[in-house]
Amino acid sequence: ALTQKCENVILIGDLNMRQKEDRKIEDLVGGGWIDAWKEGSGSSMNLKFSWDSFSNLYHSNGFGFNARFDRAYVRGKYL
């Protein structure tokens, strides 16, 4: 596994995750994953959403929805 070959690993992507799925990733492959948003922003609600159709009009019909689908996780000794 990559985590056995590398001391530092970064996982970034449009993971289309829901908030209730956070712990599944943080515990993945032995745990130790740090959510960069939680760590870097102090979980600031002003910076939370990567999809926010209240601020950015994605839908012409005015459908309002927000979520944090995109994630950045880090794991390692030297991060």
C-alpha atoms as a PDB file:
ATOM      1  CA  ALA A   1       0.000   0.000   0.000  1.00  0.00           C
ATOM      2  CA  LEU A   2       1.114   3.544  -0.684  1.00  0.00           C
ATOM      3  CA  THR A   3       1.012   4.477   2.999  1.00  0.00           C
ATOM      4  CA  GLN A   4       3.527   1.703   3.762  1.00  0.00           C
ATOM      5  CA  LYS A   5       5.972   2.985   1.116  1.00  0.00           C
ATOM      6  CA  CYS A   6       5.683   6.722   1.811  1.00  0.00           C
ATOM      7  CA  GLU A   7       6.039   8.650   5.053  1.00  0.00           C
ATOM      8  CA  ASN A   8       3.875  11.536   3.864  1.00  0.00           C
ATOM      9  CA  VAL A   9       0.714  11.209   1.785  1.00  0.00           C
ATOM     10  CA  ILE A  10      -1.746  13.817   0.503  1.00  0.00           C
ATOM     11  CA  LEU A  11      -5.201  12.822  -0.742  1.00  0.00           C
ATOM     12  CA  ILE A  12      -7.069  15.586  -2.583  1.00  0.00           C
ATOM     13  CA  GLY A  13     -10.116  15.279  -4.732  1.00  0.00           C
ATOM     14  CA  ASP A  14     -13.706  15.843  -5.613  1.00  0.00           C
ATOM     15  CA  LEU A  15     -14.765  12.944  -3.406  1.00  0.00           C
ATOM     16  CA  ASN A  16     -18.482  13.830  -3.389  1.00  0.00           C
ATOM     17  CA  MET A  17     -18.558  12.984   0.299  1.00  0.00           C
ATOM     18  CA  ARG A  18     -21.178  13.883   2.826  1.00  0.00           C
ATOM     19  CA  GLN A  19     -20.276  15.164   6.282  1.00  0.00           C
ATOM     20  CA  LYS A  20     -21.334  11.913   7.925  1.00  0.00           C
ATOM     21  CA  GLU A  21     -18.674  10.093   5.846  1.00  0.00           C
ATOM     22  CA  ASP A  22     -15.720  12.122   7.206  1.00  0.00           C
ATOM     23  CA  ARG A  23     -14.773   9.604   9.880  1.00  0.00           C
ATOM     24  CA  LYS A  24     -14.624   6.766   7.309  1.00  0.00           C
ATOM     25  CA  ILE A  25     -11.827   8.523   5.420  1.00  0.00           C
ATOM     26  CA  GLU A  26     -10.039   9.763   8.539  1.00  0.00           C
ATOM     27  CA  ASP A  27      -9.868   6.145   9.784  1.00  0.00           C
ATOM     28  CA  LEU A  28      -8.959   4.678   6.357  1.00  0.00           C
ATOM     29  CA  VAL A  29      -5.891   2.418   6.111  1.00  0.00           C
ATOM     30  CA  GLY A  30      -4.949   2.598   9.770  1.00  0.00           C
ATOM     31  CA  GLY A  31      -6.184   6.114  10.472  1.00  0.00           C
ATOM     32  CA  GLY A  32      -4.153   9.204  11.116  1.00  0.00           C
ATOM     33  CA  TRP A  33      -5.616  11.222   8.226  1.00  0.00           C
ATOM     34  CA  ILE A  34      -6.036  14.938   8.935  1.00  0.00           C
ATOM     35  CA  ASP A  35      -8.765  16.907   7.186  1.00  0.00           C
ATOM     36  CA  ALA A  36      -6.973  20.050   5.953  1.00  0.00           C
ATOM     37  CA  TRP A  37     -10.134  22.181   6.131  1.00  0.00           C
ATOM     38  CA  LYS A  38     -10.814  21.226   9.746  1.00  0.00           C
ATOM     39  CA  GLU A  39      -7.171  21.763  10.703  1.00  0.00           C
ATOM     40  CA  GLY A  40      -6.508  24.934   8.712  1.00  0.00           C
ATOM     41  CA  SER A  41      -9.734  26.874   9.115  1.00  0.00           C
ATOM     42  CA  GLY A  42     -10.802  25.766  12.557  1.00  0.00           C
ATOM     43  CA  SER A  43     -13.896  24.374  10.807  1.00  0.00           C
ATOM     44  CA  SER A  44     -15.005  27.900   9.881  1.00  0.00           C
ATOM     45  CA  MET A  45     -18.541  27.855   8.525  1.00  0.00           C
ATOM     46  CA  ASN A  46     -17.650  30.858   6.304  1.00  0.00           C
ATOM     47  CA  LEU A  47     -15.141  28.672   4.439  1.00  0.00           C
ATOM     48  CA  LYS A  48     -16.976  25.372   4.566  1.00  0.00           C
ATOM     49  CA  PHE A  49     -18.751  24.832   1.277  1.00  0.00           C
ATOM     50  CA  SER A  50     -17.141  23.823  -2.009  1.00  0.00           C
ATOM     51  CA  TRP A  51     -20.608  23.728  -3.607  1.00  0.00           C
ATOM     52  CA  ASP A  52     -22.786  26.685  -2.649  1.00  0.00           C
ATOM     53  CA  SER A  53     -25.590  27.577  -5.041  1.00  0.00           C
ATOM     54  CA  PHE A  54     -26.795  30.280  -2.658  1.00  0.00           C
ATOM     55  CA  SER A  55     -23.590  32.251  -3.379  1.00  0.00           C
ATOM     56  CA  ASN A  56     -23.015  30.978  -6.928  1.00  0.00           C
ATOM     57  CA  LEU A  57     -26.029  30.410  -9.133  1.00  0.00           C
ATOM     58  CA  TYR A  58     -25.418  26.931 -10.545  1.00  0.00           C
ATOM     59  CA  HIS A  59     -29.085  26.331 -11.308  1.00  0.00           C
ATOM     60  CA  SER A  60     -31.292  28.584 -13.402  1.00  0.00           C
ATOM     61  CA  ASN A  61     -34.382  27.487 -11.452  1.00  0.00           C
ATOM     62  CA  GLY A  62     -32.993  28.939  -8.196  1.00  0.00           C
ATOM     63  CA  PHE A  63     -32.455  25.555  -6.496  1.00  0.00           C
ATOM     64  CA  GLY A  64     -30.440  26.303  -3.345  1.00  0.00           C
ATOM     65  CA  PHE A  65     -28.014  23.751  -1.990  1.00  0.00           C
ATOM     66  CA  ASN A  66     -24.627  23.776  -0.295  1.00  0.00           C
ATOM     67  CA  ALA A  67     -22.160  21.067   0.685  1.00  0.00           C
ATOM     68  CA  ARG A  68     -18.451  20.365   1.043  1.00  0.00           C
ATOM     69  CA  PHE A  69     -17.868  17.680  -1.579  1.00  0.00           C
ATOM     70  CA  ASP A  70     -14.176  18.441  -2.178  1.00  0.00           C
ATOM     71  CA  ARG A  71     -11.679  17.224   0.378  1.00  0.00           C
ATOM     72  CA  ALA A  72      -7.965  17.457   1.152  1.00  0.00           C
ATOM     73  CA  TYR A  73      -6.473  14.979   3.635  1.00  0.00           C
ATOM     74  CA  VAL A  74      -2.874  14.641   4.785  1.00  0.00           C
ATOM     75  CA  ARG A  75      -1.083  11.936   6.707  1.00  0.00           C
ATOM     76  CA  GLY A  76       2.531  11.623   7.731  1.00  0.00           C
ATOM     77  CA  LYS A  77       5.330  12.469  10.106  1.00  0.00           C
ATOM     78  CA  TYR A  78       6.493  15.667   8.470  1.00  0.00           C
ATOM     79  CA  LEU A  79       3.303  17.489   7.575  1.00  0.00           C
END
